[in-house]
């Protein structure tokens, strides 16, 4: 099969398309014929050497979230059949991962009718991160939540999930996703200098909790408004009045200095709920562009620009 692989750490330039053996599912795993593989910032961190001492030796594959049709079942798997449409996280501890013609999955859910392979593959990491963040932050129905960086995939998923839970939402975003967020029911303002004043002008109520989903040290969705690393966390603390009422999914270094909460767990035990919400049109992640495996360098360049305008997707 064809797969993306890298045999040394570094920039995305080390990623190549290779012909490699198909992986075989182990106990509790399935193998799928991949139709779509979502790209995330975590992919580039892994290529750069993240978790290098915790994973098997190189070569290694790329791609952490996938959708496709079931091709083979590992021992003990009984809840799917060959040919079923499924989505979820891809196993990435072997020589290949999700960006391949066939991939192994340790967890999965059925893709609901009306949801495309691309739409399903866009969900796992964004929805999982947003769900955990809302739970860890402890935000309750009726409270006012500020989602900073809501134009990101995690940010938009958090807005959608929060509104579904009965939480009032103010979102900061650039113009690319602002109109879409307003249509969902969030009140939207720009990030950057003067953000606290703009947020306060939107509501007579104080912000109960704040969720930071902005990319660390980079732009969110426009080139002329830089968002320095950790630069927004003090503003979020100011708006909530308490660092314990602020959580970041990205800026862990600044969070440690300021006493802000973080979330890192990824258990994927809510995939069936994500599938249900996607099928009902409540949960979705915008797909900005699709690429083939041999266009990975072009996809990586746009992803690392922090200006993708949605999820970037490999399609097979």
C-alpha atoms as a PDB file:
ATOM      1  CA  UNK A   1       0.000   0.000   0.000  1.00  0.00           C
ATOM      2  CA  UNK A   2       1.008   3.654  -0.299  1.00  0.00           C
ATOM      3  CA  UNK A   3       1.628   5.526   2.950  1.00  0.00           C
ATOM      4  CA  UNK A   4       3.298   8.653   4.289  1.00  0.00           C
ATOM      5  CA  UNK A   5       6.367   7.858   6.335  1.00  0.00           C
ATOM      6  CA  UNK A   6       9.403   9.543   7.875  1.00  0.00           C
ATOM      7  CA  UNK A   7      12.638   7.868   8.987  1.00  0.00           C
ATOM      8  CA  UNK A   8      14.287  10.867  10.658  1.00  0.00           C
ATOM      9  CA  UNK A   9      13.001  13.733  12.754  1.00  0.00           C
ATOM     10  CA  UNK A  10      12.762  17.276  11.466  1.00  0.00           C
ATOM     11  CA  UNK A  11      10.503  19.532   9.447  1.00  0.00           C
ATOM     12  CA  UNK A  12       7.694  18.151   7.240  1.00  0.00           C
ATOM     13  CA  UNK A  13      10.267  17.964   4.428  1.00  0.00           C
ATOM     14  CA  UNK A  14      11.309  14.561   5.840  1.00  0.00           C
ATOM     15  CA  UNK A  15       7.874  13.054   5.026  1.00  0.00           C
ATOM     16  CA  UNK A  16       7.737  10.902   1.890  1.00  0.00           C
ATOM     17  CA  UNK A  17       5.234   8.629   0.117  1.00  0.00           C
ATOM     18  CA  UNK A  18       6.349   4.998   0.168  1.00  0.00           C
ATOM     19  CA  UNK A  19       5.110   1.554  -0.819  1.00  0.00           C
ATOM     20  CA  UNK A  20       4.936  -0.449   2.420  1.00  0.00           C
ATOM     21  CA  UNK A  21       3.211  -3.626   3.679  1.00  0.00           C
ATOM     22  CA  UNK A  22      -0.367  -3.345   4.909  1.00  0.00           C
ATOM     23  CA  UNK A  23      -0.597  -3.386   8.730  1.00  0.00           C
ATOM     24  CA  UNK A  24      -2.383  -6.277  10.426  1.00  0.00           C
ATOM     25  CA  UNK A  25      -4.927  -5.525  13.196  1.00  0.00           C
ATOM     26  CA  UNK A  26      -4.086  -6.782  16.654  1.00  0.00           C
ATOM     27  CA  UNK A  27      -6.565  -7.785  19.375  1.00  0.00           C
ATOM     28  CA  UNK A  28      -9.244  -5.106  19.783  1.00  0.00           C
ATOM     29  CA  UNK A  29      -8.192  -3.270  16.612  1.00  0.00           C
ATOM     30  CA  UNK A  30      -9.706  -2.910  13.170  1.00  0.00           C
ATOM     31  CA  UNK A  31      -8.140  -2.086   9.833  1.00  0.00           C
ATOM     32  CA  UNK A  32      -9.857   0.331   7.493  1.00  0.00           C
ATOM     33  CA  UNK A  33      -9.463   1.293   3.875  1.00  0.00           C
ATOM     34  CA  UNK A  34      -8.793   4.983   4.482  1.00  0.00           C
ATOM     35  CA  UNK A  35     -10.925   7.484   2.618  1.00  0.00           C
ATOM     36  CA  UNK A  36      -9.929  10.615   4.580  1.00  0.00           C
ATOM     37  CA  UNK A  37      -7.237  11.536   7.104  1.00  0.00           C
ATOM     38  CA  UNK A  38      -7.284  14.778   9.071  1.00  0.00           C
ATOM     39  CA  UNK A  39      -4.101  16.773   9.567  1.00  0.00           C
ATOM     40  CA  UNK A  40      -3.418  18.469  12.910  1.00  0.00           C
ATOM     41  CA  UNK A  41      -0.614  20.547  14.462  1.00  0.00           C
ATOM     42  CA  UNK A  42       0.241  17.459  16.534  1.00  0.00           C
ATOM     43  CA  UNK A  43       1.388  15.716  13.358  1.00  0.00           C
ATOM     44  CA  UNK A  44       4.192  18.216  12.853  1.00  0.00           C
ATOM     45  CA  UNK A  45       5.228  17.963  16.511  1.00  0.00           C
ATOM     46  CA  UNK A  46       5.509  14.172  16.176  1.00  0.00           C
ATOM     47  CA  UNK A  47       7.562  14.546  13.004  1.00  0.00           C
ATOM     48  CA  UNK A  48       9.806  16.966  14.911  1.00  0.00           C
ATOM     49  CA  UNK A  49      10.463  14.353  17.608  1.00  0.00           C
ATOM     50  CA  UNK A  50       7.657  14.688  20.166  1.00  0.00           C
ATOM     51  CA  UNK A  51       7.299  11.414  22.137  1.00  0.00           C
ATOM     52  CA  UNK A  52      10.396  10.077  20.371  1.00  0.00           C
ATOM     53  CA  UNK A  53      11.494   8.261  23.534  1.00  0.00           C
ATOM     54  CA  UNK A  54       8.023   6.769  24.115  1.00  0.00           C
ATOM     55  CA  UNK A  55       7.321   5.296  20.681  1.00  0.00           C
ATOM     56  CA  UNK A  56       8.960   2.459  18.704  1.00  0.00           C
ATOM     57  CA  UNK A  57      11.985   3.221  16.525  1.00  0.00           C
ATOM     58  CA  UNK A  58      11.690   4.932  13.150  1.00  0.00           C
ATOM     59  CA  UNK A  59      10.377   4.754  10.472  1.00  0.00           C
ATOM     60  CA  UNK A  60       6.978   6.030  11.554  1.00  0.00           C
ATOM     61  CA  UNK A  61       3.750   7.126   9.913  1.00  0.00           C
ATOM     62  CA  UNK A  62       1.734  10.331   9.872  1.00  0.00           C
ATOM     63  CA  UNK A  63      -1.951  11.041  10.551  1.00  0.00           C
ATOM     64  CA  UNK A  64      -3.874  10.779  13.819  1.00  0.00           C
ATOM     65  CA  UNK A  65      -7.543  10.784  12.768  1.00  0.00           C
ATOM     66  CA  UNK A  66      -9.211   8.879   9.972  1.00  0.00           C
ATOM     67  CA  UNK A  67     -12.428   7.745   8.343  1.00  0.00           C
ATOM     68  CA  UNK A  68     -13.013   4.880   5.942  1.00  0.00           C
ATOM     69  CA  UNK A  69     -14.543   1.436   5.496  1.00  0.00           C
ATOM     70  CA  UNK A  70     -13.750  -1.552   7.690  1.00  0.00           C
ATOM     71  CA  UNK A  71     -11.380  -3.936   5.913  1.00  0.00           C
ATOM     72  CA  UNK A  72     -10.265  -6.404   8.602  1.00  0.00           C
ATOM     73  CA  UNK A  73     -11.119  -7.216  12.232  1.00  0.00           C
ATOM     74  CA  UNK A  74      -8.728  -8.005  15.033  1.00  0.00           C
ATOM     75  CA  UNK A  75      -9.379 -10.650  17.652  1.00  0.00           C
ATOM     76  CA  UNK A  76     -12.280  -9.834  19.960  1.00  0.00           C
ATOM     77  CA  UNK A  77     -13.916  -7.206  17.737  1.00  0.00           C
ATOM     78  CA  UNK A  78     -17.643  -7.804  17.308  1.00  0.00           C
ATOM     79  CA  UNK A  79     -19.348  -4.394  17.016  1.00  0.00           C
ATOM     80  CA  UNK A  80     -18.488  -3.710  13.361  1.00  0.00           C
ATOM     81  CA  UNK A  81     -18.578  -5.632  10.100  1.00  0.00           C
ATOM     82  CA  UNK A  82     -16.469  -5.570   6.966  1.00  0.00           C
ATOM     83  CA  UNK A  83     -17.590  -2.644   4.836  1.00  0.00           C
ATOM     84  CA  UNK A  84     -18.984  -0.492   7.666  1.00  0.00           C
ATOM     85  CA  UNK A  85     -18.204   3.240   7.507  1.00  0.00           C
ATOM     86  CA  UNK A  86     -16.303   4.297  10.637  1.00  0.00           C
ATOM     87  CA  UNK A  87     -14.198   7.170  11.993  1.00  0.00           C
ATOM     88  CA  UNK A  88     -11.903   7.736  14.941  1.00  0.00           C
ATOM     89  CA  UNK A  89      -8.230   7.911  15.971  1.00  0.00           C
ATOM     90  CA  UNK A  90      -5.589   6.050  13.990  1.00  0.00           C
ATOM     91  CA  UNK A  91      -2.919   3.931  15.656  1.00  0.00           C
ATOM     92  CA  UNK A  92       0.374   5.806  15.239  1.00  0.00           C
ATOM     93  CA  UNK A  93       2.852   3.626  17.159  1.00  0.00           C
ATOM     94  CA  UNK A  94       3.995   1.661  14.107  1.00  0.00           C
ATOM     95  CA  UNK A  95       5.713   2.267  10.770  1.00  0.00           C
ATOM     96  CA  UNK A  96       2.471   3.694   9.334  1.00  0.00           C
ATOM     97  CA  UNK A  97      -0.457   5.658  10.750  1.00  0.00           C
ATOM     98  CA  UNK A  98      -3.593   7.267   9.321  1.00  0.00           C
ATOM     99  CA  UNK A  99      -2.121   8.816   6.177  1.00  0.00           C
ATOM    100  CA  UNK A 100      -2.054   5.565   4.231  1.00  0.00           C
ATOM    101  CA  UNK A 101      -4.286   3.483   2.024  1.00  0.00           C
ATOM    102  CA  UNK A 102      -4.975   1.225   5.028  1.00  0.00           C
ATOM    103  CA  UNK A 103      -4.780   2.121   8.728  1.00  0.00           C
ATOM    104  CA  UNK A 104      -5.308   0.491  12.099  1.00  0.00           C
ATOM    105  CA  UNK A 105      -7.758   1.920  14.624  1.00  0.00           C
ATOM    106  CA  UNK A 106      -7.901   1.230  18.385  1.00  0.00           C
ATOM    107  CA  UNK A 107     -11.292   2.994  18.791  1.00  0.00           C
ATOM    108  CA  UNK A 108     -14.056   3.913  16.371  1.00  0.00           C
ATOM    109  CA  UNK A 109     -17.678   4.865  15.829  1.00  0.00           C
ATOM    110  CA  UNK A 110     -20.014   4.420  12.901  1.00  0.00           C
ATOM    111  CA  UNK A 111     -20.333   7.386  10.545  1.00  0.00           C
ATOM    112  CA  UNK A 112     -23.966   8.540  10.567  1.00  0.00           C
ATOM    113  CA  UNK A 113     -25.962   8.891   7.395  1.00  0.00           C
ATOM    114  CA  UNK A 114     -25.483  12.254   5.758  1.00  0.00           C
ATOM    115  CA  UNK A 115     -21.937  12.757   7.105  1.00  0.00           C
ATOM    116  CA  UNK A 116     -19.123  12.471   4.573  1.00  0.00           C
ATOM    117  CA  UNK A 117     -15.822  10.690   5.139  1.00  0.00           C
ATOM    118  CA  UNK A 118     -14.095  14.083   5.191  1.00  0.00           C
ATOM    119  CA  UNK A 119     -16.572  15.487   7.699  1.00  0.00           C
ATOM    120  CA  UNK A 120     -16.156  12.448   9.938  1.00  0.00           C
ATOM    121  CA  UNK A 121     -12.345  12.431   9.793  1.00  0.00           C
ATOM    122  CA  UNK A 122     -12.346  16.095  10.852  1.00  0.00           C
ATOM    123  CA  UNK A 123     -14.068  15.315  14.150  1.00  0.00           C
ATOM    124  CA  UNK A 124     -11.987  13.107  16.492  1.00  0.00           C
ATOM    125  CA  UNK A 125      -9.248  15.373  17.837  1.00  0.00           C
ATOM    126  CA  UNK A 126     -11.160  18.661  17.696  1.00  0.00           C
ATOM    127  CA  UNK A 127     -14.291  17.231  19.297  1.00  0.00           C
ATOM    128  CA  UNK A 128     -12.370  15.221  21.882  1.00  0.00           C
ATOM    129  CA  UNK A 129     -10.213  18.189  22.902  1.00  0.00           C
ATOM    130  CA  UNK A 130     -13.193  20.541  23.102  1.00  0.00           C
ATOM    131  CA  UNK A 131     -15.326  18.048  25.072  1.00  0.00           C
ATOM    132  CA  UNK A 132     -12.545  17.406  27.617  1.00  0.00           C
ATOM    133  CA  UNK A 133     -11.796  21.101  27.940  1.00  0.00           C
ATOM    134  CA  UNK A 134     -15.414  22.002  28.717  1.00  0.00           C
ATOM    135  CA  UNK A 135     -15.622  19.189  31.266  1.00  0.00           C
ATOM    136  CA  UNK A 136     -12.288  20.044  32.903  1.00  0.00           C
ATOM    137  CA  UNK A 137     -13.174  23.738  33.035  1.00  0.00           C
ATOM    138  CA  UNK A 138     -16.413  22.867  34.814  1.00  0.00           C
ATOM    139  CA  UNK A 139     -18.567  25.295  32.848  1.00  0.00           C
ATOM    140  CA  UNK A 140     -22.273  24.914  33.655  1.00  0.00           C
ATOM    141  CA  UNK A 141     -25.498  25.560  31.715  1.00  0.00           C
ATOM    142  CA  UNK A 142     -26.447  29.220  31.891  1.00  0.00           C
ATOM    143  CA  UNK A 143     -22.897  30.417  32.528  1.00  0.00           C
ATOM    144  CA  UNK A 144     -21.141  32.826  30.190  1.00  0.00           C
ATOM    145  CA  UNK A 145     -18.131  31.217  28.492  1.00  0.00           C
ATOM    146  CA  UNK A 146     -15.510  33.080  26.469  1.00  0.00           C
ATOM    147  CA  UNK A 147     -13.940  30.883  23.773  1.00  0.00           C
ATOM    148  CA  UNK A 148     -10.740  32.559  22.638  1.00  0.00           C
ATOM    149  CA  UNK A 149      -9.523  31.502  19.191  1.00  0.00           C
ATOM    150  CA  UNK A 150     -12.924  30.154  18.189  1.00  0.00           C
ATOM    151  CA  UNK A 151     -11.933  30.209  14.523  1.00  0.00           C
ATOM    152  CA  UNK A 152      -9.747  27.139  15.111  1.00  0.00           C
ATOM    153  CA  UNK A 153     -11.172  23.641  14.708  1.00  0.00           C
ATOM    154  CA  UNK A 154     -11.072  23.010  18.465  1.00  0.00           C
ATOM    155  CA  UNK A 155     -12.529  26.451  19.151  1.00  0.00           C
ATOM    156  CA  UNK A 156     -15.477  26.012  16.821  1.00  0.00           C
ATOM    157  CA  UNK A 157     -16.157  22.523  18.210  1.00  0.00           C
ATOM    158  CA  UNK A 158     -16.116  24.025  21.716  1.00  0.00           C
ATOM    159  CA  UNK A 159     -18.584  26.734  20.685  1.00  0.00           C
ATOM    160  CA  UNK A 160     -20.935  24.157  19.181  1.00  0.00           C
ATOM    161  CA  UNK A 161     -20.742  21.818  22.177  1.00  0.00           C
ATOM    162  CA  UNK A 162     -21.105  24.638  24.702  1.00  0.00           C
ATOM    163  CA  UNK A 163     -24.191  26.058  23.022  1.00  0.00           C
ATOM    164  CA  UNK A 164     -25.675  22.561  22.872  1.00  0.00           C
ATOM    165  CA  UNK A 165     -25.116  22.258  26.642  1.00  0.00           C
ATOM    166  CA  UNK A 166     -27.047  25.470  27.267  1.00  0.00           C
ATOM    167  CA  UNK A 167     -23.989  27.619  27.891  1.00  0.00           C
ATOM    168  CA  UNK A 168     -23.919  31.251  26.695  1.00  0.00           C
ATOM    169  CA  UNK A 169     -20.900  31.906  24.472  1.00  0.00           C
ATOM    170  CA  UNK A 170     -18.801  34.877  23.495  1.00  0.00           C
ATOM    171  CA  UNK A 171     -16.209  33.948  20.880  1.00  0.00           C
ATOM    172  CA  UNK A 172     -13.103  35.734  19.669  1.00  0.00           C
ATOM    173  CA  UNK A 173     -12.263  35.111  16.023  1.00  0.00           C
ATOM    174  CA  UNK A 174     -11.060  36.772  12.858  1.00  0.00           C
ATOM    175  CA  UNK A 175     -13.259  37.402   9.832  1.00  0.00           C
ATOM    176  CA  UNK A 176     -12.802  33.973   8.245  1.00  0.00           C
ATOM    177  CA  UNK A 177     -15.095  32.177  10.706  1.00  0.00           C
ATOM    178  CA  UNK A 178     -16.851  35.084  12.471  1.00  0.00           C
ATOM    179  CA  UNK A 179     -20.079  34.926  10.455  1.00  0.00           C
ATOM    180  CA  UNK A 180     -20.341  31.153  10.854  1.00  0.00           C
ATOM    181  CA  UNK A 181     -19.881  31.433  14.616  1.00  0.00           C
ATOM    182  CA  UNK A 182     -22.553  34.117  14.851  1.00  0.00           C
ATOM    183  CA  UNK A 183     -24.961  31.898  12.913  1.00  0.00           C
ATOM    184  CA  UNK A 184     -24.417  29.198  15.534  1.00  0.00           C
ATOM    185  CA  UNK A 185     -25.564  31.609  18.264  1.00  0.00           C
ATOM    186  CA  UNK A 186     -22.302  32.938  19.684  1.00  0.00           C
ATOM    187  CA  UNK A 187     -21.585  36.639  20.114  1.00  0.00           C
ATOM    188  CA  UNK A 188     -18.336  37.288  18.262  1.00  0.00           C
ATOM    189  CA  UNK A 189     -15.615  39.899  18.584  1.00  0.00           C
ATOM    190  CA  UNK A 190     -12.041  40.227  17.345  1.00  0.00           C
ATOM    191  CA  UNK A 191      -9.042  39.123  19.345  1.00  0.00           C
ATOM    192  CA  UNK A 192      -5.914  41.231  19.762  1.00  0.00           C
ATOM    193  CA  UNK A 193      -5.399  44.571  21.482  1.00  0.00           C
ATOM    194  CA  UNK A 194      -8.508  45.879  23.248  1.00  0.00           C
ATOM    195  CA  UNK A 195     -10.130  42.443  23.430  1.00  0.00           C
ATOM    196  CA  UNK A 196     -11.176  42.832  27.082  1.00  0.00           C
ATOM    197  CA  UNK A 197     -12.965  46.115  26.361  1.00  0.00           C
ATOM    198  CA  UNK A 198     -14.748  44.616  23.351  1.00  0.00           C
ATOM    199  CA  UNK A 199     -15.872  41.581  25.330  1.00  0.00           C
ATOM    200  CA  UNK A 200     -17.179  43.734  28.174  1.00  0.00           C
ATOM    201  CA  UNK A 201     -19.081  45.846  25.668  1.00  0.00           C
ATOM    202  CA  UNK A 202     -20.952  42.773  24.443  1.00  0.00           C
ATOM    203  CA  UNK A 203     -22.512  41.863  27.783  1.00  0.00           C
ATOM    204  CA  UNK A 204     -23.509  43.427  31.107  1.00  0.00           C
ATOM    205  CA  UNK A 205     -22.562  40.144  32.792  1.00  0.00           C
ATOM    206  CA  UNK A 206     -19.106  39.088  33.855  1.00  0.00           C
ATOM    207  CA  UNK A 207     -17.427  36.218  32.043  1.00  0.00           C
ATOM    208  CA  UNK A 208     -17.776  33.087  34.181  1.00  0.00           C
ATOM    209  CA  UNK A 209     -15.075  31.001  32.503  1.00  0.00           C
ATOM    210  CA  UNK A 210     -12.706  31.255  29.559  1.00  0.00           C
ATOM    211  CA  UNK A 211     -11.328  28.621  27.202  1.00  0.00           C
ATOM    212  CA  UNK A 212      -8.179  29.378  25.204  1.00  0.00           C
ATOM    213  CA  UNK A 213      -8.052  27.401  21.954  1.00  0.00           C
ATOM    214  CA  UNK A 214      -5.738  29.745  20.033  1.00  0.00           C
ATOM    215  CA  UNK A 215      -2.561  28.278  18.509  1.00  0.00           C
ATOM    216  CA  UNK A 216       0.492  28.970  20.651  1.00  0.00           C
ATOM    217  CA  UNK A 217       2.599  31.855  19.497  1.00  0.00           C
ATOM    218  CA  UNK A 218       1.006  32.256  16.121  1.00  0.00           C
ATOM    219  CA  UNK A 219      -1.825  33.747  14.135  1.00  0.00           C
ATOM    220  CA  UNK A 220      -5.333  32.399  14.439  1.00  0.00           C
ATOM    221  CA  UNK A 221      -7.061  33.117  11.147  1.00  0.00           C
ATOM    222  CA  UNK A 222      -5.701  36.336   9.730  1.00  0.00           C
ATOM    223  CA  UNK A 223      -2.221  37.574   9.048  1.00  0.00           C
ATOM    224  CA  UNK A 224      -2.441  41.106  10.429  1.00  0.00           C
ATOM    225  CA  UNK A 225      -3.358  40.260  14.031  1.00  0.00           C
ATOM    226  CA  UNK A 226      -0.528  38.439  15.795  1.00  0.00           C
ATOM    227  CA  UNK A 227      -1.330  36.536  18.983  1.00  0.00           C
ATOM    228  CA  UNK A 228       1.906  36.180  20.979  1.00  0.00           C
ATOM    229  CA  UNK A 229       2.494  33.053  23.059  1.00  0.00           C
ATOM    230  CA  UNK A 230       0.738  33.470  26.373  1.00  0.00           C
ATOM    231  CA  UNK A 231      -0.276  36.977  25.403  1.00  0.00           C
ATOM    232  CA  UNK A 232      -4.003  36.417  25.806  1.00  0.00           C
ATOM    233  CA  UNK A 233      -4.024  34.406  29.016  1.00  0.00           C
ATOM    234  CA  UNK A 234      -3.596  37.447  31.296  1.00  0.00           C
ATOM    235  CA  UNK A 235      -6.560  39.085  29.524  1.00  0.00           C
ATOM    236  CA  UNK A 236      -8.671  35.956  30.059  1.00  0.00           C
ATOM    237  CA  UNK A 237      -7.715  35.966  33.736  1.00  0.00           C
ATOM    238  CA  UNK A 238      -8.672  39.640  33.934  1.00  0.00           C
ATOM    239  CA  UNK A 239     -12.082  38.931  32.389  1.00  0.00           C
ATOM    240  CA  UNK A 240     -12.889  35.999  34.689  1.00  0.00           C
ATOM    241  CA  UNK A 241     -11.145  37.323  37.792  1.00  0.00           C
ATOM    242  CA  UNK A 242      -9.507  33.973  38.580  1.00  0.00           C
ATOM    243  CA  UNK A 243      -6.844  31.891  36.749  1.00  0.00           C
ATOM    244  CA  UNK A 244      -8.652  28.754  37.942  1.00  0.00           C
ATOM    245  CA  UNK A 245     -11.579  29.776  35.719  1.00  0.00           C
ATOM    246  CA  UNK A 246      -9.362  29.793  32.632  1.00  0.00           C
ATOM    247  CA  UNK A 247      -8.207  26.720  30.690  1.00  0.00           C
ATOM    248  CA  UNK A 248      -5.866  26.469  27.700  1.00  0.00           C
ATOM    249  CA  UNK A 249      -5.514  23.559  25.310  1.00  0.00           C
ATOM    250  CA  UNK A 250      -2.281  24.871  23.803  1.00  0.00           C
ATOM    251  CA  UNK A 251      -0.141  27.257  25.868  1.00  0.00           C
ATOM    252  CA  UNK A 252       1.011  24.944  28.643  1.00  0.00           C
ATOM    253  CA  UNK A 253       4.172  26.902  29.483  1.00  0.00           C
ATOM    254  CA  UNK A 254       2.281  30.136  30.145  1.00  0.00           C
ATOM    255  CA  UNK A 255      -0.423  28.210  31.992  1.00  0.00           C
ATOM    256  CA  UNK A 256       2.149  26.860  34.452  1.00  0.00           C
ATOM    257  CA  UNK A 257       3.417  30.373  35.150  1.00  0.00           C
ATOM    258  CA  UNK A 258      -0.035  31.917  35.554  1.00  0.00           C
ATOM    259  CA  UNK A 259      -1.921  29.121  37.340  1.00  0.00           C
ATOM    260  CA  UNK A 260      -4.232  28.501  34.394  1.00  0.00           C
ATOM    261  CA  UNK A 261      -5.775  25.075  33.911  1.00  0.00           C
ATOM    262  CA  UNK A 262      -4.770  22.759  31.074  1.00  0.00           C
ATOM    263  CA  UNK A 263      -6.296  19.675  29.496  1.00  0.00           C
ATOM    264  CA  UNK A 264      -4.253  16.915  27.874  1.00  0.00           C
ATOM    265  CA  UNK A 265      -6.240  13.660  28.208  1.00  0.00           C
ATOM    266  CA  UNK A 266      -7.419  12.026  24.975  1.00  0.00           C
ATOM    267  CA  UNK A 267      -9.431   8.897  25.783  1.00  0.00           C
ATOM    268  CA  UNK A 268     -11.890   8.901  22.853  1.00  0.00           C
ATOM    269  CA  UNK A 269     -14.650   7.351  24.946  1.00  0.00           C
ATOM    270  CA  UNK A 270     -17.249   9.770  23.528  1.00  0.00           C
ATOM    271  CA  UNK A 271     -16.919   8.853  19.832  1.00  0.00           C
ATOM    272  CA  UNK A 272     -20.449   7.474  19.644  1.00  0.00           C
ATOM    273  CA  UNK A 273     -21.771  10.703  21.146  1.00  0.00           C
ATOM    274  CA  UNK A 274     -19.780  12.715  18.611  1.00  0.00           C
ATOM    275  CA  UNK A 275     -21.297  10.571  15.862  1.00  0.00           C
ATOM    276  CA  UNK A 276     -24.798  11.184  17.188  1.00  0.00           C
ATOM    277  CA  UNK A 277     -24.274  14.937  17.414  1.00  0.00           C
ATOM    278  CA  UNK A 278     -22.747  15.034  13.924  1.00  0.00           C
ATOM    279  CA  UNK A 279     -25.681  13.092  12.529  1.00  0.00           C
ATOM    280  CA  UNK A 280     -28.060  15.633  14.072  1.00  0.00           C
ATOM    281  CA  UNK A 281     -26.109  18.555  12.608  1.00  0.00           C
ATOM    282  CA  UNK A 282     -25.055  19.836  16.037  1.00  0.00           C
ATOM    283  CA  UNK A 283     -21.351  19.014  15.786  1.00  0.00           C
ATOM    284  CA  UNK A 284     -19.223  19.700  12.714  1.00  0.00           C
ATOM    285  CA  UNK A 285     -15.721  20.850  11.874  1.00  0.00           C
ATOM    286  CA  UNK A 286     -15.232  22.923   8.741  1.00  0.00           C
ATOM    287  CA  UNK A 287     -12.984  21.315   6.126  1.00  0.00           C
ATOM    288  CA  UNK A 288     -10.916  24.036   4.456  1.00  0.00           C
ATOM    289  CA  UNK A 289      -9.011  22.086   1.806  1.00  0.00           C
ATOM    290  CA  UNK A 290      -8.312  18.529   0.691  1.00  0.00           C
ATOM    291  CA  UNK A 291      -5.050  17.077  -0.596  1.00  0.00           C
ATOM    292  CA  UNK A 292      -3.698  13.783  -1.913  1.00  0.00           C
ATOM    293  CA  UNK A 293      -0.817  11.959  -0.227  1.00  0.00           C
ATOM    294  CA  UNK A 294       1.727  13.355  -2.676  1.00  0.00           C
ATOM    295  CA  UNK A 295       0.636  16.914  -1.825  1.00  0.00           C
ATOM    296  CA  UNK A 296       1.681  16.590   1.821  1.00  0.00           C
ATOM    297  CA  UNK A 297       4.327  19.338   1.614  1.00  0.00           C
ATOM    298  CA  UNK A 298       1.776  21.833   0.315  1.00  0.00           C
ATOM    299  CA  UNK A 299      -0.660  20.819   3.063  1.00  0.00           C
ATOM    300  CA  UNK A 300       2.023  21.109   5.741  1.00  0.00           C
ATOM    301  CA  UNK A 301       2.976  24.596   4.598  1.00  0.00           C
ATOM    302  CA  UNK A 302      -0.608  25.846   4.884  1.00  0.00           C
ATOM    303  CA  UNK A 303      -1.121  24.095   8.223  1.00  0.00           C
ATOM    304  CA  UNK A 304       1.997  25.618   9.729  1.00  0.00           C
ATOM    305  CA  UNK A 305       1.016  29.077   8.515  1.00  0.00           C
ATOM    306  CA  UNK A 306      -1.795  28.884  11.117  1.00  0.00           C
ATOM    307  CA  UNK A 307      -4.126  30.302   8.484  1.00  0.00           C
ATOM    308  CA  UNK A 308      -5.909  27.204   7.146  1.00  0.00           C
ATOM    309  CA  UNK A 309      -9.450  28.472   7.805  1.00  0.00           C
ATOM    310  CA  UNK A 310     -10.564  25.014   8.915  1.00  0.00           C
ATOM    311  CA  UNK A 311      -9.458  21.405   8.874  1.00  0.00           C
ATOM    312  CA  UNK A 312      -6.963  20.266   6.255  1.00  0.00           C
ATOM    313  CA  UNK A 313      -7.683  16.801   4.929  1.00  0.00           C
ATOM    314  CA  UNK A 314      -5.856  14.090   3.008  1.00  0.00           C
ATOM    315  CA  UNK A 315      -8.220  12.127   0.768  1.00  0.00           C
ATOM    316  CA  UNK A 316      -7.587   8.711  -0.747  1.00  0.00           C
END
